[in-house]
Amino acid sequence: MGTINYSEKIPNNVNLSENRRLQRALEAWQPAYIQWWNDLGPVKSQTQDVYLRTAISADSEGWAHFGHVKMPEYRWGIFLSAPEEDRRISFGDHKGEPVWQEVPGEYRSLIRRLIVVQGDTEPASVEQQRHLGQTCPSLYDLRNLFQVNVEEGRHLWAMVYLLHAHFGRDGREEADMMLERHSGDVDKPRILGAFNEETPDWLSFFMFTFFTDRDGKFQLGALAESSFDPLARTCRFMLKEEAHHMFVGETGISRVVRRSCELMNENKTDDPRKYGGIDLQTIQKYINFHYSVSLDLFGAEISTNAANSFTASVKGRFNEAKLTQDDHQLNDSTYPVLQAVNNSFQFVEVPALNAINEALRDKYSKECESGVERWNRVIEKHGIDFKLTLPHRAFHRQIGEFQDYCVSPDGRQITEKEWDQHKNDWLPSAEDKVYVQSLMTNPVYEPGKYANWVAPPDKTINGVAEDFEYVRFS
């Protein structure tokens, strides 16, 4: 299962040629995918040679092979991690039973919905980012953008394969609809709200890949525990690729923060905007927005749907099989969930089964906090008295327990009038967005050079020279 067959029209390591009906169905879907990529993928990028990472096998030795390739010729395919011998279900009502190789009839609708929602996010992010290549701060960043894009495209293929292979006509129709919905489309938007937001600038892109792709990591990690083994193995391989997306976000924001601090110190000013940088207050606003929007992706704090998925052994918790604190069925367990009680926020013990979303969100928030701490160490190193923070869990929420509350970043419940008065102090204002975008009107295409508002990376990709031509223009 490790080797990927690149001689096939659709590269794969699932022996696709042995199932001619499935192969024909996917080959019939392939032209629509290529058309979608040409229409809504990265603009004006069809002829560029990009230094991309491509998997040549699913094991640790071969999943990252580097070379220049034109993106329309990128070999998207179907790659699953190797099966675990005698893998057993680790949670829910079916704990201890052998994992499923086919979809149980009673869980067909539930599993299909999970696959569709995950699959819908993949092309959505490509659509959100399609114009960024025209404002890139360097060839290094342009290459990273394109790497993220092609891998999101491959993740779509991963979900489409599962739909075609295991859900018959319904699956084929769902796969077609993946290319009919579009990010921000008034009539046919993407399923999740965060994937209908614009990504108009590179600061937003770095925030997206740090915060929103990190949600993807935790969702994939929960699905990687699924008793439906093809889904679990698919998500385990996707997680390898997702790590680079989060790396792009964390290091990108760190580089913006570092450059802002450098400009402040070099020019003895508190306002790096005067010298073409992004001020730390604006970076904080972007953190507030992207963190709060990404929190909504986990769903409601108290969720019957999440409980049903867990009980059915369909979607577990992150690293479920490694958890040791309970019986993995949660029938008698509780979990503390933050709730609004008497004009304040308090933790209330609720049945752990109903708090699956919140437990996942808690792990996510801890990782985000660690990233913010690393950015703050950059600020501290430059001797600047400023500290970035994550806003309160209830701030700017559109889903769940806090959607009807106006809450400040420090967690105070406020009136709607006070919110209207201060929202531009807490979230990117129209003026902030115009300023950030104004920094990116002139892309930087010279190898080894970087825009003034972002610092160079600490390391190159795959150990190449600092002035390496990551993207070649014909």
Protein backbone atom coordinates (compact mmCIF):
# COMPACT_ATOMS: atom_id res chain seq x y z
CA MET A 1 0.00 0.00 0.00
CA GLY A 2 3.02 2.30 0.25
CA THR A 3 3.87 2.68 -3.46
CA ILE A 4 1.88 5.11 -5.58
CA ASN A 5 1.26 4.14 -9.18
CA TYR A 6 1.98 7.21 -11.32
CA SER A 7 1.54 5.32 -14.58
CA GLU A 8 -2.23 5.45 -14.10
CA LYS A 9 -4.35 8.29 -15.43
CA ILE A 10 -5.30 8.85 -11.78
CA PRO A 11 -2.25 8.15 -9.55
CA ASN A 12 -3.22 5.93 -6.63
CA ASN A 13 -2.15 3.31 -4.14
CA VAL A 14 -5.58 1.65 -3.86
CA ASN A 15 -5.29 -0.68 -6.89
CA LEU A 16 -7.82 1.40 -8.78
CA SER A 17 -7.23 -0.52 -12.03
CA GLU A 18 -8.73 -3.61 -10.43
CA ASN A 19 -12.11 -1.91 -10.13
CA ARG A 20 -12.91 -0.84 -13.67
CA ARG A 21 -16.33 0.62 -12.86
CA LEU A 22 -14.90 2.85 -10.13
CA GLN A 23 -11.95 3.80 -12.33
CA ARG A 24 -14.23 4.85 -15.18
CA ALA A 25 -16.42 6.89 -12.81
CA LEU A 26 -13.45 8.78 -11.40
CA GLU A 27 -11.95 9.30 -14.85
CA ALA A 28 -15.29 10.79 -15.89
CA TRP A 29 -15.13 13.19 -12.90
CA GLN A 30 -11.52 14.16 -13.60
CA PRO A 31 -12.16 16.57 -16.54
CA ALA A 32 -14.67 18.53 -14.46
CA TYR A 33 -12.06 18.84 -11.74
CA ILE A 34 -9.43 20.13 -14.19
CA GLN A 35 -11.96 22.60 -15.57
CA TRP A 36 -12.73 23.78 -12.03
CA TRP A 37 -8.99 24.20 -11.35
CA ASN A 38 -8.51 26.24 -14.53
CA ASP A 39 -11.56 28.39 -13.80
CA LEU A 40 -11.28 28.90 -10.04
CA GLY A 41 -7.76 27.80 -9.09
CA PRO A 42 -4.77 30.17 -8.86
CA VAL A 43 -5.14 32.86 -11.52
CA LYS A 44 -2.60 33.19 -14.34
CA SER A 45 -0.50 30.31 -13.05
CA GLN A 46 -0.98 27.64 -15.71
CA THR A 47 2.42 28.10 -17.39
CA GLN A 48 4.62 28.57 -14.32
CA ASP A 49 7.05 25.87 -13.21
CA VAL A 50 6.65 25.52 -9.44
CA TYR A 51 8.98 23.73 -7.02
CA LEU A 52 6.37 21.43 -5.49
CA ARG A 53 6.37 18.51 -3.12
CA THR A 54 4.73 15.36 -4.50
CA ALA A 55 4.16 12.04 -2.75
CA ILE A 56 5.69 9.02 -4.47
CA SER A 57 4.68 6.63 -1.70
CA ALA A 58 2.55 6.80 1.44
CA ASP A 59 5.34 5.85 3.83
CA SER A 60 7.76 8.19 5.60
CA GLU A 61 10.44 7.70 2.95
CA GLY A 62 8.50 8.74 -0.12
CA TRP A 63 5.68 11.13 0.64
CA ALA A 64 7.78 14.28 -0.05
CA HIS A 65 9.52 14.31 -3.44
CA PHE A 66 10.51 17.78 -4.74
CA GLY A 67 10.76 19.10 -8.28
CA HIS A 68 9.52 21.81 -10.64
CA VAL A 69 6.15 21.10 -12.25
CA LYS A 70 3.37 23.09 -13.90
CA MET A 71 0.34 23.01 -11.63
CA PRO A 72 -2.19 21.90 -14.27
CA GLU A 73 0.12 18.91 -14.79
CA TYR A 74 0.36 18.11 -11.08
CA ARG A 75 -0.52 14.44 -10.54
CA TRP A 76 -3.45 14.66 -8.15
CA GLY A 77 -4.43 11.25 -6.95
CA ILE A 78 -5.76 8.91 -4.27
CA PHE A 79 -3.38 8.00 -1.46
CA LEU A 80 -4.23 6.09 1.72
CA SER A 81 -1.93 5.27 4.60
CA ALA A 82 -1.08 1.61 4.99
CA PRO A 83 -3.70 -0.47 6.82
CA GLU A 84 -3.05 -1.54 10.41
CA GLU A 85 -3.14 -5.29 10.85
CA ASP A 86 -6.13 -6.44 12.93
CA ARG A 87 -7.15 -2.85 13.73
CA ARG A 88 -9.98 -2.72 16.24
CA ILE A 89 -12.55 -0.03 16.98
CA SER A 90 -11.33 2.04 19.91
CA PHE A 91 -14.45 3.93 21.00
CA GLY A 92 -18.25 4.10 21.05
CA ASP A 93 -20.82 1.33 20.99
CA HIS A 94 -18.70 -0.82 18.67
CA LYS A 95 -15.53 -0.64 20.76
CA GLY A 96 -13.44 -3.79 20.39
CA GLU A 97 -15.00 -4.94 17.12
CA PRO A 98 -12.98 -5.14 13.88
CA VAL A 99 -12.99 -1.88 11.91
CA TRP A 100 -15.29 -1.62 8.90
CA GLN A 101 -14.06 -1.85 5.33
CA GLU A 102 -17.53 -1.03 4.00
CA VAL A 103 -20.08 1.48 5.24
CA PRO A 104 -22.67 -0.05 7.61
CA GLY A 105 -26.15 0.66 6.29
CA GLU A 106 -27.36 2.23 9.53
CA TYR A 107 -24.53 4.80 9.43
CA ARG A 108 -24.51 5.49 5.71
CA SER A 109 -26.08 8.95 5.91
CA LEU A 110 -23.95 10.00 8.89
CA ILE A 111 -20.62 8.98 7.34
CA ARG A 112 -21.50 10.47 3.96
CA ARG A 113 -22.31 13.81 5.57
CA LEU A 114 -18.99 13.91 7.42
CA ILE A 115 -17.10 13.17 4.20
CA VAL A 116 -19.04 15.80 2.25
CA VAL A 117 -18.46 18.55 4.82
CA GLN A 118 -14.75 17.78 5.02
CA GLY A 119 -14.45 17.51 1.25
CA ASP A 120 -16.26 20.79 0.68
CA THR A 121 -13.64 22.74 2.63
CA GLU A 122 -10.78 21.66 0.37
CA PRO A 123 -11.71 23.36 -2.94
CA ALA A 124 -13.23 26.24 -0.96
CA SER A 125 -9.85 27.35 0.36
CA VAL A 126 -8.34 27.20 -3.14
CA GLU A 127 -11.12 29.48 -4.36
CA GLN A 128 -10.59 31.86 -1.45
CA GLN A 129 -6.88 32.16 -2.23
CA ARG A 130 -6.95 32.22 -6.01
CA HIS A 131 -5.85 35.87 -6.46
CA LEU A 132 -3.03 35.90 -3.90
CA GLY A 133 -0.35 34.89 -6.38
CA GLN A 134 -0.62 38.30 -8.01
CA THR A 135 0.44 40.06 -4.80
CA CYS A 136 3.05 37.64 -3.44
CA PRO A 137 5.78 39.03 -1.13
CA SER A 138 8.40 36.60 -2.54
CA LEU A 139 8.89 33.53 -4.70
CA TYR A 140 9.29 31.54 -1.49
CA ASP A 141 5.81 32.58 -0.39
CA LEU A 142 4.34 32.09 -3.85
CA ARG A 143 5.65 28.54 -3.90
CA ASN A 144 4.19 27.86 -0.44
CA LEU A 145 0.81 29.19 -1.55
CA PHE A 146 0.82 26.92 -4.59
CA GLN A 147 1.90 23.93 -2.47
CA VAL A 148 -1.06 24.51 -0.17
CA ASN A 149 -3.37 24.87 -3.18
CA VAL A 150 -2.37 21.64 -4.94
CA GLU A 151 -2.58 19.68 -1.70
CA GLU A 152 -6.04 21.03 -0.94
CA GLY A 153 -6.95 19.88 -4.42
CA ARG A 154 -5.60 16.42 -3.65
CA HIS A 155 -7.55 16.33 -0.39
CA LEU A 156 -10.68 16.94 -2.45
CA TRP A 157 -9.71 13.92 -4.54
CA ALA A 158 -9.37 11.88 -1.34
CA MET A 159 -12.93 12.61 -0.28
CA VAL A 160 -14.32 12.19 -3.80
CA TYR A 161 -12.73 8.75 -4.00
CA LEU A 162 -14.52 7.69 -0.81
CA LEU A 163 -17.84 9.00 -2.13
CA HIS A 164 -17.46 7.19 -5.45
CA ALA A 165 -16.11 3.98 -3.94
CA HIS A 166 -18.59 3.53 -1.10
CA PHE A 167 -21.79 5.52 -1.72
CA GLY A 168 -22.93 4.63 -5.24
CA ARG A 169 -25.14 7.09 -7.06
CA ASP A 170 -25.55 9.32 -3.99
CA GLY A 171 -21.78 9.56 -3.70
CA ARG A 172 -21.32 10.45 -7.35
CA GLU A 173 -23.92 13.21 -7.05
CA GLU A 174 -22.23 14.59 -3.92
CA ALA A 175 -18.88 14.55 -5.71
CA ASP A 176 -20.35 16.55 -8.59
CA MET A 177 -21.75 19.10 -6.15
CA MET A 178 -18.26 19.67 -4.69
CA LEU A 179 -17.46 21.51 -7.92
CA GLU A 180 -20.83 23.27 -8.16
CA ARG A 181 -20.67 25.07 -4.81
CA HIS A 182 -18.24 27.99 -4.70
CA SER A 183 -16.78 30.10 -1.90
CA GLY A 184 -18.90 33.20 -1.34
CA ASP A 185 -21.43 32.28 -4.03
CA VAL A 186 -24.80 33.83 -3.17
CA ASP A 187 -26.81 30.93 -4.57
CA LYS A 188 -24.48 27.97 -3.95
CA PRO A 189 -22.07 28.86 -1.15
CA ARG A 190 -19.71 26.46 0.57
CA ILE A 191 -21.19 24.56 3.49
CA LEU A 192 -19.21 26.13 6.36
CA GLY A 193 -19.25 29.88 6.93
CA ALA A 194 -15.49 30.38 7.33
CA PHE A 195 -15.00 29.04 3.82
CA ASN A 196 -17.18 31.76 2.35
CA GLU A 197 -15.04 34.55 3.83
CA GLU A 198 -12.60 36.37 1.57
CA THR A 199 -8.84 35.85 1.80
CA PRO A 200 -7.88 39.13 0.11
CA ASP A 201 -4.33 39.59 1.35
CA TRP A 202 -1.30 37.68 2.59
CA LEU A 203 -1.79 38.54 6.25
CA SER A 204 -5.23 36.93 5.97
CA PHE A 205 -3.65 33.93 4.20
CA PHE A 206 -1.12 33.43 6.98
CA MET A 207 -3.90 33.71 9.56
CA PHE A 208 -6.06 31.27 7.61
CA THR A 209 -3.33 28.67 7.36
CA PHE A 210 -2.49 29.01 11.05
CA PHE A 211 -6.00 29.12 12.51
CA THR A 212 -8.38 27.57 9.98
CA ASP A 213 -6.06 24.86 8.70
CA ARG A 214 -5.39 23.98 12.33
CA ASP A 215 -9.10 23.33 12.72
CA GLY A 216 -8.65 21.03 9.72
CA LYS A 217 -5.89 19.19 11.56
CA PHE A 218 -8.15 18.47 14.52
CA GLN A 219 -11.12 17.49 12.38
CA LEU A 220 -8.93 15.15 10.31
CA GLY A 221 -7.42 13.78 13.51
CA ALA A 222 -10.88 12.93 14.83
CA LEU A 223 -11.88 11.33 11.52
CA ALA A 224 -8.59 9.39 11.48
CA GLU A 225 -9.97 7.48 14.49
CA SER A 226 -13.08 6.43 12.54
CA SER A 227 -14.17 2.81 12.52
CA PHE A 228 -14.73 3.18 8.78
CA ASP A 229 -11.17 2.22 7.95
CA PRO A 230 -10.87 3.73 4.43
CA LEU A 231 -11.84 7.13 5.88
CA ALA A 232 -9.38 6.76 8.77
CA ARG A 233 -6.51 5.80 6.47
CA THR A 234 -7.31 8.62 4.06
CA CYS A 235 -7.24 11.20 6.86
CA ARG A 236 -4.00 9.87 8.31
CA PHE A 237 -2.25 10.55 5.02
CA MET A 238 -3.89 13.97 4.67
CA LEU A 239 -2.54 14.95 8.09
CA LYS A 240 1.02 14.62 6.78
CA GLU A 241 0.31 17.25 4.15
CA GLU A 242 -1.72 19.46 6.50
CA ALA A 243 1.32 20.00 8.73
CA HIS A 244 3.00 22.12 6.04
CA HIS A 245 -0.07 24.34 5.72
CA MET A 246 0.08 25.20 9.43
CA PHE A 247 3.84 25.75 9.15
CA VAL A 248 3.19 28.32 6.41
CA GLY A 249 0.76 30.13 8.71
CA GLU A 250 2.80 30.12 11.90
CA THR A 251 6.09 31.11 10.27
CA GLY A 252 4.34 33.64 8.02
CA ILE A 253 2.82 35.50 10.95
CA SER A 254 6.12 35.26 12.84
CA ARG A 255 7.92 36.84 9.89
CA VAL A 256 5.38 39.68 9.71
CA VAL A 257 5.74 40.28 13.45
CA ARG A 258 9.55 40.21 13.20
CA ARG A 259 9.62 42.71 10.34
CA SER A 260 7.24 45.04 12.17
CA CYS A 261 9.49 44.95 15.23
CA GLU A 262 12.56 45.59 13.09
CA LEU A 263 10.95 48.65 11.49
CA MET A 264 9.92 49.98 14.90
CA ASN A 265 13.43 49.62 16.30
CA GLU A 266 15.26 50.86 13.21
CA ASN A 267 13.11 53.99 13.02
CA LYS A 268 12.48 54.49 16.75
CA THR A 269 8.73 54.53 16.28
CA ASP A 270 5.65 52.83 17.69
CA ASP A 271 3.98 52.92 14.29
CA PRO A 272 5.64 50.78 11.61
CA ARG A 273 2.93 51.84 9.16
CA LYS A 274 4.93 55.01 8.60
CA TYR A 275 7.67 52.81 7.11
CA GLY A 276 5.60 50.29 5.17
CA GLY A 277 5.07 47.70 7.91
CA ILE A 278 2.01 46.27 9.65
CA ASP A 279 1.49 47.53 13.19
CA LEU A 280 1.08 45.00 15.98
CA GLN A 281 -2.38 46.34 16.86
CA THR A 282 -3.60 45.43 13.37
CA ILE A 283 -2.03 41.98 13.63
CA GLN A 284 -3.96 41.55 16.89
CA LYS A 285 -7.21 42.46 15.13
CA TYR A 286 -6.57 39.84 12.45
CA ILE A 287 -5.89 37.26 15.17
CA ASN A 288 -9.19 38.17 16.84
CA PHE A 289 -11.11 37.68 13.62
CA HIS A 290 -9.55 34.48 12.35
CA TYR A 291 -9.46 32.74 15.72
CA SER A 292 -13.12 33.49 16.45
CA VAL A 293 -14.27 32.43 12.99
CA SER A 294 -12.27 29.22 13.25
CA LEU A 295 -13.74 28.41 16.67
CA ASP A 296 -17.16 28.30 15.02
CA LEU A 297 -15.96 25.50 12.72
CA PHE A 298 -16.05 23.07 15.64
CA GLY A 299 -19.82 23.47 15.97
CA ALA A 300 -21.99 24.03 19.01
CA GLU A 301 -20.59 23.48 22.50
CA ILE A 302 -23.39 21.04 23.31
CA SER A 303 -23.99 18.81 20.31
CA THR A 304 -26.25 15.80 19.87
CA ASN A 305 -24.82 15.24 16.39
CA ALA A 306 -21.27 14.94 17.73
CA ALA A 307 -22.51 12.60 20.47
CA ASN A 308 -24.25 10.41 17.90
CA SER A 309 -21.11 10.24 15.73
CA PHE A 310 -19.04 9.19 18.72
CA THR A 311 -21.53 6.63 20.01
CA ALA A 312 -21.81 5.15 16.52
CA SER A 313 -17.99 4.79 16.46
CA VAL A 314 -17.88 6.96 13.34
CA LYS A 315 -15.88 10.01 14.53
CA GLY A 316 -13.73 9.89 17.64
CA ARG A 317 -11.76 12.39 19.63
CA PHE A 318 -8.30 13.59 18.64
CA ASN A 319 -5.84 10.72 19.25
CA GLU A 320 -8.71 8.67 20.65
CA ALA A 321 -6.81 5.37 20.72
CA LYS A 322 -4.06 6.96 22.86
CA LEU A 323 -6.36 8.51 25.48
CA THR A 324 -6.25 6.83 28.87
CA GLN A 325 -8.49 8.92 31.11
CA ASP A 326 -11.82 7.16 30.45
CA ASP A 327 -13.53 4.07 29.00
CA HIS A 328 -13.84 5.52 25.43
CA GLN A 329 -17.63 5.25 25.64
CA LEU A 330 -18.34 8.20 27.96
CA ASN A 331 -21.65 6.91 29.24
CA ASP A 332 -21.01 8.17 32.79
CA SER A 333 -18.40 10.87 32.13
CA THR A 334 -18.79 14.64 32.36
CA TYR A 335 -16.81 17.51 30.84
CA PRO A 336 -16.59 21.20 31.85
CA VAL A 337 -18.14 23.52 29.24
CA LEU A 338 -18.08 27.31 29.42
CA GLN A 339 -21.62 28.72 29.47
CA ALA A 340 -23.35 32.04 30.04
CA VAL A 341 -24.83 31.97 33.55
CA ASN A 342 -26.38 35.01 35.25
CA ASN A 343 -24.55 37.62 33.15
CA SER A 344 -21.19 35.88 33.57
CA PHE A 345 -19.35 32.96 32.03
CA GLN A 346 -18.93 29.85 34.13
CA PHE A 347 -17.81 26.29 33.57
CA VAL A 348 -20.63 23.79 33.91
CA GLU A 349 -20.19 20.02 34.03
CA VAL A 350 -22.22 18.41 31.22
CA PRO A 351 -22.34 14.84 29.87
CA ALA A 352 -19.04 14.28 28.07
CA LEU A 353 -20.83 12.70 25.12
CA ASN A 354 -22.54 15.99 24.41
CA ALA A 355 -19.31 17.96 24.79
CA ILE A 356 -17.25 16.19 22.09
CA ASN A 357 -17.00 19.39 20.05
CA GLU A 358 -15.88 21.40 23.05
CA ALA A 359 -13.20 18.89 24.03
CA LEU A 360 -11.79 19.12 20.51
CA ARG A 361 -12.01 22.93 20.58
CA ASP A 362 -10.10 22.99 23.89
CA LYS A 363 -7.18 21.07 22.37
CA TYR A 364 -7.25 23.41 19.39
CA SER A 365 -7.17 26.51 21.60
CA LYS A 366 -4.17 25.22 23.54
CA GLU A 367 -2.23 24.77 20.31
CA CYS A 368 -3.20 28.25 19.18
CA GLU A 369 -2.03 29.67 22.52
CA SER A 370 1.36 28.02 22.01
CA GLY A 371 1.69 29.66 18.60
CA VAL A 372 0.85 33.09 20.02
CA GLU A 373 3.44 32.58 22.76
CA ARG A 374 6.09 31.96 20.09
CA TRP A 375 5.13 35.18 18.30
CA ASN A 376 5.35 37.03 21.60
CA ARG A 377 8.88 35.74 22.11
CA VAL A 378 9.79 37.45 18.81
CA ILE A 379 8.35 40.73 20.12
CA GLU A 380 10.11 40.30 23.48
CA LYS A 381 13.42 39.57 21.75
CA HIS A 382 13.17 42.96 20.04
CA GLY A 383 12.54 44.68 23.37
CA ILE A 384 9.07 45.94 22.48
CA ASP A 385 6.39 46.26 25.15
CA PHE A 386 3.46 44.56 23.44
CA LYS A 387 1.79 41.20 23.84
CA LEU A 388 -0.44 39.42 21.36
CA THR A 389 -3.33 37.42 22.85
CA LEU A 390 -6.17 35.17 21.83
CA PRO A 391 -9.57 36.76 22.41
CA HIS A 392 -12.03 35.25 24.86
CA ARG A 393 -13.81 32.09 23.73
CA ALA A 394 -17.13 33.94 23.53
CA PHE A 395 -15.84 36.85 21.43
CA HIS A 396 -17.40 37.35 17.96
CA ARG A 397 -19.06 33.95 17.83
CA GLN A 398 -21.76 33.13 15.28
CA ILE A 399 -22.46 29.53 16.28
CA GLY A 400 -23.28 27.85 19.58
CA GLU A 401 -23.56 29.00 23.18
CA PHE A 402 -22.38 32.58 22.62
CA GLN A 403 -23.88 33.52 19.26
CA ASP A 404 -26.49 35.83 20.80
CA TYR A 405 -24.05 37.68 23.08
CA CYS A 406 -21.91 40.76 22.52
CA VAL A 407 -18.58 40.06 24.19
CA SER A 408 -15.33 42.03 24.31
CA PRO A 409 -11.98 40.34 23.61
CA ASP A 410 -11.28 40.22 27.36
CA GLY A 411 -14.55 38.38 28.00
CA ARG A 412 -16.89 41.12 29.22
CA GLN A 413 -20.55 40.91 28.23
CA ILE A 414 -21.41 44.27 26.69
CA THR A 415 -24.34 45.96 25.04
CA GLU A 416 -24.90 45.99 21.33
CA LYS A 417 -24.30 49.74 21.39
CA GLU A 418 -20.89 49.27 23.02
CA TRP A 419 -20.05 46.56 20.50
CA ASP A 420 -20.86 48.90 17.61
CA GLN A 421 -18.72 51.61 19.18
CA HIS A 422 -15.66 49.40 19.61
CA LYS A 423 -15.81 46.63 17.01
CA ASN A 424 -13.32 48.46 14.78
CA ASP A 425 -10.92 48.53 17.73
CA TRP A 426 -11.14 44.74 17.99
CA LEU A 427 -11.65 43.52 14.42
CA PRO A 428 -10.02 44.67 11.17
CA SER A 429 -11.73 47.86 10.02
CA ALA A 430 -12.28 48.81 6.40
CA GLU A 431 -9.34 51.18 6.78
CA ASP A 432 -7.11 48.41 8.15
CA LYS A 433 -7.98 46.11 5.25
CA VAL A 434 -7.32 48.82 2.68
CA TYR A 435 -3.95 49.58 4.26
CA VAL A 436 -2.84 45.92 4.44
CA GLN A 437 -3.87 45.35 0.83
CA SER A 438 -2.06 48.52 -0.25
CA LEU A 439 1.23 46.98 0.91
CA MET A 440 0.76 44.16 -1.55
CA THR A 441 0.11 45.97 -4.79
CA ASN A 442 3.60 45.23 -6.09
CA PRO A 443 4.48 41.51 -6.05
CA VAL A 444 8.09 40.47 -5.54
CA TYR A 445 9.26 37.96 -8.14
CA GLU A 446 13.05 38.34 -7.86
CA PRO A 447 14.67 35.25 -6.30
CA GLY A 448 15.93 35.85 -2.77
CA LYS A 449 14.07 39.17 -2.39
CA TYR A 450 11.17 39.93 -0.02
CA ALA A 451 8.56 42.65 0.34
CA ASN A 452 9.31 45.31 2.94
CA TRP A 453 6.49 44.23 5.28
CA VAL A 454 7.69 40.65 5.86
CA ALA A 455 11.04 39.23 7.01
CA PRO A 456 12.82 36.43 5.12
CA PRO A 457 12.27 32.88 6.42
CA ASP A 458 14.78 31.27 8.77
CA LYS A 459 15.15 28.27 6.45
CA THR A 460 14.62 27.55 2.78
CA ILE A 461 12.48 24.74 1.39
CA ASN A 462 14.28 21.41 1.20
CA GLY A 463 17.64 23.06 1.91
CA VAL A 464 17.90 24.95 -1.41
CA ALA A 465 19.91 28.16 -1.83
CA GLU A 466 18.47 31.42 -0.47
CA ASP A 467 18.13 32.85 -3.98
CA PHE A 468 16.55 29.67 -5.37
CA GLU A 469 14.02 30.14 -8.15
CA TYR A 470 11.02 28.52 -6.51
CA VAL A 471 8.74 29.59 -9.34
CA ARG A 472 9.89 29.95 -12.94
CA PHE A 473 7.91 32.18 -15.29
CA SER A 474 7.81 31.26 -18.97
